[in-house]
């Protein structure tokens, strides 16, 4: 499971990096438009801020969607959830105690 979480983190970091690159390109384009007189600096800032906010929002949606897809894939492959593993460990512990108790009774 740790490898899957690591893979997901790497994928999300790529998304963060992509968002940063896109935001930088937006700033470059808006600066160029300001130089060309197509928009004023306040409009440029508003456009960039709005687009960056939208990218961040979409990144959050992307992250949640990737987590859902990863959970579904793991379920399809038969990888148990942590809660299932914990439940099985508890059952094994109880069974081991019962076996020890039975062994102790036999030896008395």
N, C-alpha and C. Protein backbone atom coordinates (compact mmCIF):
# COMPACT_ATOMS: atom_id res chain seq x y z
N UNK A 1 0.83 -1.19 0.00
CA UNK A 1 0.00 0.00 0.00
C UNK A 1 0.87 1.26 0.00
N UNK A 2 2.02 1.19 0.68
CA UNK A 2 2.91 2.35 0.72
C UNK A 2 3.40 2.72 -0.68
N UNK A 3 3.68 1.71 -1.51
CA UNK A 3 4.11 1.99 -2.88
C UNK A 3 3.01 2.68 -3.66
N UNK A 4 1.77 2.28 -3.43
CA UNK A 4 0.66 2.92 -4.13
C UNK A 4 0.49 4.36 -3.68
N UNK A 5 0.62 4.61 -2.36
CA UNK A 5 0.53 5.98 -1.87
C UNK A 5 1.67 6.82 -2.43
N UNK A 6 2.86 6.23 -2.52
CA UNK A 6 4.01 6.94 -3.06
C UNK A 6 3.76 7.29 -4.52
N UNK A 7 3.23 6.33 -5.27
CA UNK A 7 2.91 6.56 -6.68
C UNK A 7 1.90 7.69 -6.82
N UNK A 8 0.88 7.68 -5.96
CA UNK A 8 -0.15 8.71 -6.01
C UNK A 8 0.45 10.08 -5.68
N UNK A 9 1.31 10.13 -4.67
CA UNK A 9 1.95 11.39 -4.30
C UNK A 9 2.79 11.92 -5.46
N UNK A 10 3.52 11.04 -6.14
CA UNK A 10 4.33 11.47 -7.27
C UNK A 10 3.45 12.02 -8.39
N UNK A 11 2.35 11.34 -8.64
CA UNK A 11 1.43 11.79 -9.67
C UNK A 11 0.85 13.16 -9.33
N UNK A 12 0.48 13.35 -8.06
CA UNK A 12 -0.08 14.62 -7.63
C UNK A 12 0.96 15.74 -7.71
N UNK A 13 2.21 15.40 -7.41
CA UNK A 13 3.27 16.40 -7.51
C UNK A 13 3.46 16.85 -8.95
N UNK A 14 3.31 15.92 -9.89
CA UNK A 14 3.37 16.28 -11.31
C UNK A 14 2.25 17.27 -11.61
N UNK A 15 1.07 17.01 -11.06
CA UNK A 15 -0.06 17.92 -11.25
C UNK A 15 0.23 19.30 -10.67
N UNK A 16 0.84 19.34 -9.48
CA UNK A 16 1.19 20.62 -8.86
C UNK A 16 2.21 21.34 -9.73
N UNK A 17 3.21 20.61 -10.22
CA UNK A 17 4.22 21.22 -11.09
C UNK A 17 3.61 21.75 -12.36
N UNK A 18 2.70 21.00 -12.93
CA UNK A 18 2.02 21.43 -14.15
C UNK A 18 1.22 22.70 -13.89
N UNK A 19 0.54 22.75 -12.76
CA UNK A 19 -0.22 23.94 -12.39
C UNK A 19 0.71 25.15 -12.27
N UNK A 20 1.86 24.96 -11.68
CA UNK A 20 2.82 26.06 -11.53
C UNK A 20 3.31 26.55 -12.88
N UNK A 21 3.60 25.61 -13.79
CA UNK A 21 4.07 25.99 -15.13
C UNK A 21 2.99 26.76 -15.87
N UNK A 22 1.75 26.28 -15.78
CA UNK A 22 0.64 26.95 -16.46
C UNK A 22 0.44 28.35 -15.89
N UNK A 23 0.52 28.48 -14.56
CA UNK A 23 0.35 29.79 -13.92
C UNK A 23 1.45 30.74 -14.38
N UNK A 24 2.68 30.26 -14.49
CA UNK A 24 3.78 31.10 -14.95
C UNK A 24 3.56 31.54 -16.40
N UNK A 25 3.11 30.64 -17.24
CA UNK A 25 2.83 30.99 -18.64
C UNK A 25 1.70 32.02 -18.73
N UNK A 26 0.69 31.86 -17.88
CA UNK A 26 -0.40 32.84 -17.85
C UNK A 26 0.13 34.23 -17.50
N UNK A 27 1.01 34.27 -16.52
CA UNK A 27 1.60 35.56 -16.13
C UNK A 27 2.39 36.16 -17.29
N UNK A 28 3.15 35.32 -17.99
CA UNK A 28 3.94 35.82 -19.13
C UNK A 28 3.03 36.39 -20.22
N UNK A 29 1.97 35.65 -20.53
CA UNK A 29 1.04 36.10 -21.57
C UNK A 29 0.35 37.39 -21.13
N UNK A 30 -0.09 37.46 -19.88
CA UNK A 30 -0.78 38.67 -19.42
C UNK A 30 0.18 39.86 -19.39
N UNK A 31 1.44 39.63 -19.03
CA UNK A 31 2.43 40.71 -19.06
C UNK A 31 2.63 41.21 -20.49
N UNK A 32 2.64 40.28 -21.43
CA UNK A 32 2.80 40.64 -22.84
C UNK A 32 1.59 41.48 -23.31
N UNK A 33 0.40 41.06 -22.91
CA UNK A 33 -0.81 41.82 -23.28
C UNK A 33 -0.78 43.22 -22.69
N UNK A 34 -0.27 43.35 -21.47
CA UNK A 34 -0.16 44.66 -20.85
C UNK A 34 0.81 45.52 -21.66
N UNK A 35 1.96 44.95 -22.05
CA UNK A 35 2.95 45.68 -22.85
C UNK A 35 2.38 46.12 -24.18
N UNK A 36 1.54 45.26 -24.76
CA UNK A 36 0.93 45.58 -26.06
C UNK A 36 -0.27 46.52 -25.91
N UNK A 37 -0.67 46.80 -24.69
CA UNK A 37 -1.78 47.70 -24.44
C UNK A 37 -3.15 47.06 -24.63
N UNK A 38 -3.22 45.77 -24.72
CA UNK A 38 -4.49 45.07 -24.91
C UNK A 38 -5.32 45.07 -23.62
N UNK A 39 -4.66 45.00 -22.48
CA UNK A 39 -5.33 45.06 -21.18
C UNK A 39 -4.48 45.89 -20.23
N UNK A 40 -5.09 46.37 -19.15
CA UNK A 40 -4.33 47.13 -18.17
C UNK A 40 -3.80 46.18 -17.08
N UNK A 41 -2.87 46.62 -16.28
CA UNK A 41 -2.26 45.74 -15.27
C UNK A 41 -3.27 45.14 -14.29
N UNK A 42 -4.31 45.90 -13.92
CA UNK A 42 -5.31 45.37 -13.00
C UNK A 42 -6.08 44.22 -13.63
N UNK A 43 -6.42 44.38 -14.92
CA UNK A 43 -7.12 43.31 -15.62
C UNK A 43 -6.23 42.07 -15.72
N UNK A 44 -4.96 42.30 -15.98
CA UNK A 44 -4.01 41.18 -16.09
C UNK A 44 -3.96 40.41 -14.78
N UNK A 45 -3.85 41.15 -13.69
CA UNK A 45 -3.79 40.50 -12.38
C UNK A 45 -5.07 39.73 -12.11
N UNK A 46 -6.22 40.33 -12.44
CA UNK A 46 -7.50 39.65 -12.23
C UNK A 46 -7.61 38.38 -13.05
N UNK A 47 -7.19 38.45 -14.29
CA UNK A 47 -7.25 37.27 -15.16
C UNK A 47 -6.36 36.16 -14.61
N UNK A 48 -5.13 36.52 -14.26
CA UNK A 48 -4.19 35.52 -13.74
C UNK A 48 -4.71 34.93 -12.43
N UNK A 49 -5.16 35.78 -11.53
CA UNK A 49 -5.67 35.29 -10.24
C UNK A 49 -6.85 34.35 -10.43
N UNK A 50 -7.76 34.72 -11.32
CA UNK A 50 -8.93 33.89 -11.57
C UNK A 50 -8.54 32.53 -12.17
N UNK A 51 -7.65 32.56 -13.13
CA UNK A 51 -7.22 31.32 -13.77
C UNK A 51 -6.44 30.43 -12.79
N UNK A 52 -5.59 31.01 -11.98
CA UNK A 52 -4.82 30.23 -11.01
C UNK A 52 -5.79 29.60 -10.00
N UNK A 53 -6.78 30.36 -9.56
CA UNK A 53 -7.77 29.82 -8.62
C UNK A 53 -8.52 28.66 -9.26
N UNK A 54 -8.88 28.81 -10.52
CA UNK A 54 -9.59 27.74 -11.22
C UNK A 54 -8.69 26.50 -11.36
N UNK A 55 -7.42 26.71 -11.66
CA UNK A 55 -6.48 25.59 -11.77
C UNK A 55 -6.35 24.86 -10.43
N UNK A 56 -6.26 25.62 -9.35
CA UNK A 56 -6.14 25.00 -8.02
C UNK A 56 -7.39 24.20 -7.70
N UNK A 57 -8.55 24.74 -8.05
CA UNK A 57 -9.80 24.03 -7.81
C UNK A 57 -9.85 22.74 -8.61
N UNK A 58 -9.46 22.83 -9.87
CA UNK A 58 -9.46 21.64 -10.72
C UNK A 58 -8.44 20.63 -10.23
N UNK A 59 -7.31 21.11 -9.69
CA UNK A 59 -6.29 20.20 -9.14
C UNK A 59 -6.88 19.43 -7.96
N UNK A 60 -7.64 20.11 -7.10
CA UNK A 60 -8.28 19.43 -5.98
C UNK A 60 -9.25 18.36 -6.45
N UNK A 61 -10.02 18.70 -7.49
CA UNK A 61 -10.94 17.72 -8.07
C UNK A 61 -10.18 16.55 -8.68
N UNK A 62 -9.08 16.86 -9.34
CA UNK A 62 -8.24 15.84 -9.96
C UNK A 62 -7.69 14.90 -8.89
N UNK A 63 -7.23 15.48 -7.79
CA UNK A 63 -6.67 14.69 -6.70
C UNK A 63 -7.71 13.73 -6.13
N UNK A 64 -8.89 14.23 -5.86
CA UNK A 64 -9.96 13.38 -5.32
C UNK A 64 -10.34 12.29 -6.32
N UNK A 65 -10.39 12.65 -7.58
CA UNK A 65 -10.75 11.68 -8.62
C UNK A 65 -9.67 10.59 -8.72
N UNK A 66 -8.41 10.98 -8.64
CA UNK A 66 -7.32 9.99 -8.70
C UNK A 66 -7.37 9.06 -7.50
N UNK A 67 -7.64 9.58 -6.33
CA UNK A 67 -7.74 8.75 -5.14
C UNK A 67 -8.87 7.73 -5.28
N UNK A 68 -10.02 8.18 -5.80
CA UNK A 68 -11.15 7.27 -6.02
C UNK A 68 -10.78 6.17 -7.01
N UNK A 69 -10.14 6.57 -8.10
CA UNK A 69 -9.77 5.59 -9.12
C UNK A 69 -8.75 4.60 -8.58
N UNK A 70 -7.80 5.08 -7.78
CA UNK A 70 -6.81 4.19 -7.20
C UNK A 70 -7.46 3.20 -6.24
N UNK A 71 -8.39 3.68 -5.41
CA UNK A 71 -9.11 2.77 -4.50
C UNK A 71 -9.88 1.72 -5.29
N UNK A 72 -10.55 2.14 -6.36
CA UNK A 72 -11.31 1.20 -7.20
C UNK A 72 -10.39 0.17 -7.86
N UNK A 73 -9.25 0.63 -8.35
CA UNK A 73 -8.29 -0.29 -8.97
C UNK A 73 -7.80 -1.31 -7.96
N UNK A 74 -7.45 -0.83 -6.78
CA UNK A 74 -6.95 -1.74 -5.75
C UNK A 74 -8.02 -2.75 -5.36
N UNK A 75 -9.26 -2.29 -5.29
CA UNK A 75 -10.37 -3.20 -4.97
C UNK A 75 -10.53 -4.23 -6.09
N UNK A 76 -10.42 -3.79 -7.34
CA UNK A 76 -10.53 -4.71 -8.48
C UNK A 76 -9.43 -5.76 -8.46
N UNK A 77 -8.24 -5.38 -8.00
CA UNK A 77 -7.11 -6.31 -7.92
C UNK A 77 -7.17 -7.18 -6.68
N UNK A 78 -8.16 -6.92 -5.81
CA UNK A 78 -8.31 -7.74 -4.62
C UNK A 78 -7.44 -7.31 -3.46
N UNK A 79 -6.89 -6.09 -3.51
CA UNK A 79 -6.07 -5.59 -2.41
C UNK A 79 -7.01 -5.17 -1.29
N UNK A 80 -6.82 -5.75 -0.10
CA UNK A 80 -7.73 -5.41 1.00
C UNK A 80 -7.49 -4.01 1.54
N UNK A 81 -8.57 -3.41 2.06
CA UNK A 81 -8.45 -2.10 2.72
C UNK A 81 -7.78 -2.30 4.06
N UNK A 82 -7.21 -1.24 4.59
CA UNK A 82 -6.51 -1.31 5.87
C UNK A 82 -7.45 -1.79 6.97
N UNK A 83 -8.70 -1.36 6.95
CA UNK A 83 -9.65 -1.80 7.97
C UNK A 83 -9.88 -3.31 7.91
N UNK A 84 -9.89 -3.87 6.70
CA UNK A 84 -10.05 -5.31 6.56
C UNK A 84 -8.84 -6.05 7.11
N UNK A 85 -7.65 -5.54 6.83
CA UNK A 85 -6.43 -6.15 7.34
C UNK A 85 -6.42 -6.09 8.86
N UNK A 86 -6.79 -4.95 9.42
CA UNK A 86 -6.82 -4.80 10.87
C UNK A 86 -7.81 -5.78 11.50
N UNK A 87 -8.97 -5.94 10.87
CA UNK A 87 -9.98 -6.88 11.38
C UNK A 87 -9.43 -8.30 11.37
N UNK A 88 -8.76 -8.68 10.29
CA UNK A 88 -8.19 -10.03 10.20
C UNK A 88 -7.09 -10.23 11.24
N UNK A 89 -6.28 -9.22 11.48
CA UNK A 89 -5.24 -9.32 12.51
C UNK A 89 -5.88 -9.56 13.88
N UNK A 90 -6.96 -8.87 14.15
CA UNK A 90 -7.66 -9.05 15.41
C UNK A 90 -8.21 -10.46 15.55
N UNK A 91 -8.77 -10.97 14.47
CA UNK A 91 -9.30 -12.33 14.49
C UNK A 91 -8.18 -13.35 14.70
N UNK A 92 -7.05 -13.13 14.05
CA UNK A 92 -5.91 -14.03 14.22
C UNK A 92 -5.42 -13.99 15.66
N UNK A 93 -5.33 -12.80 16.24
CA UNK A 93 -4.90 -12.68 17.64
C UNK A 93 -5.84 -13.47 18.56
N UNK A 94 -7.15 -13.33 18.35
CA UNK A 94 -8.11 -14.06 19.17
C UNK A 94 -7.96 -15.57 19.01
N UNK A 95 -7.79 -16.03 17.77
CA UNK A 95 -7.62 -17.46 17.51
C UNK A 95 -6.33 -17.99 18.15
N UNK A 96 -5.26 -17.19 18.05
CA UNK A 96 -4.01 -17.63 18.68
C UNK A 96 -4.17 -17.76 20.19
N UNK A 97 -4.90 -16.82 20.80
CA UNK A 97 -5.15 -16.90 22.25
C UNK A 97 -5.96 -18.16 22.58
N UNK A 98 -6.97 -18.44 21.76
CA UNK A 98 -7.79 -19.62 22.00
C UNK A 98 -6.96 -20.90 21.88
N UNK A 99 -6.09 -20.95 20.88
CA UNK A 99 -5.23 -22.12 20.71
C UNK A 99 -4.30 -22.27 21.91
N UNK A 100 -3.70 -21.19 22.37
CA UNK A 100 -2.82 -21.25 23.55
C UNK A 100 -3.59 -21.73 24.78
N UNK A 101 -4.81 -21.19 24.94
CA UNK A 101 -5.63 -21.61 26.08
C UNK A 101 -5.93 -23.11 26.01
N UNK A 102 -6.28 -23.60 24.83
CA UNK A 102 -6.56 -25.03 24.67
C UNK A 102 -5.30 -25.87 24.93
N UNK A 103 -4.17 -25.40 24.42
CA UNK A 103 -2.91 -26.12 24.67
C UNK A 103 -2.61 -26.17 26.16
N UNK A 104 -2.82 -25.05 26.85
CA UNK A 104 -2.57 -25.00 28.30
C UNK A 104 -3.48 -25.95 29.04
N UNK A 105 -4.74 -26.05 28.62
CA UNK A 105 -5.68 -26.98 29.27
C UNK A 105 -5.26 -28.43 29.06
N UNK A 106 -4.75 -28.73 27.86
CA UNK A 106 -4.33 -30.10 27.57
C UNK A 106 -3.11 -30.49 28.39
N UNK A 107 -2.24 -29.58 28.67
CA UNK A 107 -1.00 -29.88 29.38
C UNK A 107 -1.19 -29.92 30.89
N UNK A 108 -2.33 -29.52 31.38
CA UNK A 108 -2.57 -29.52 32.83
C UNK A 108 -2.94 -30.85 33.32
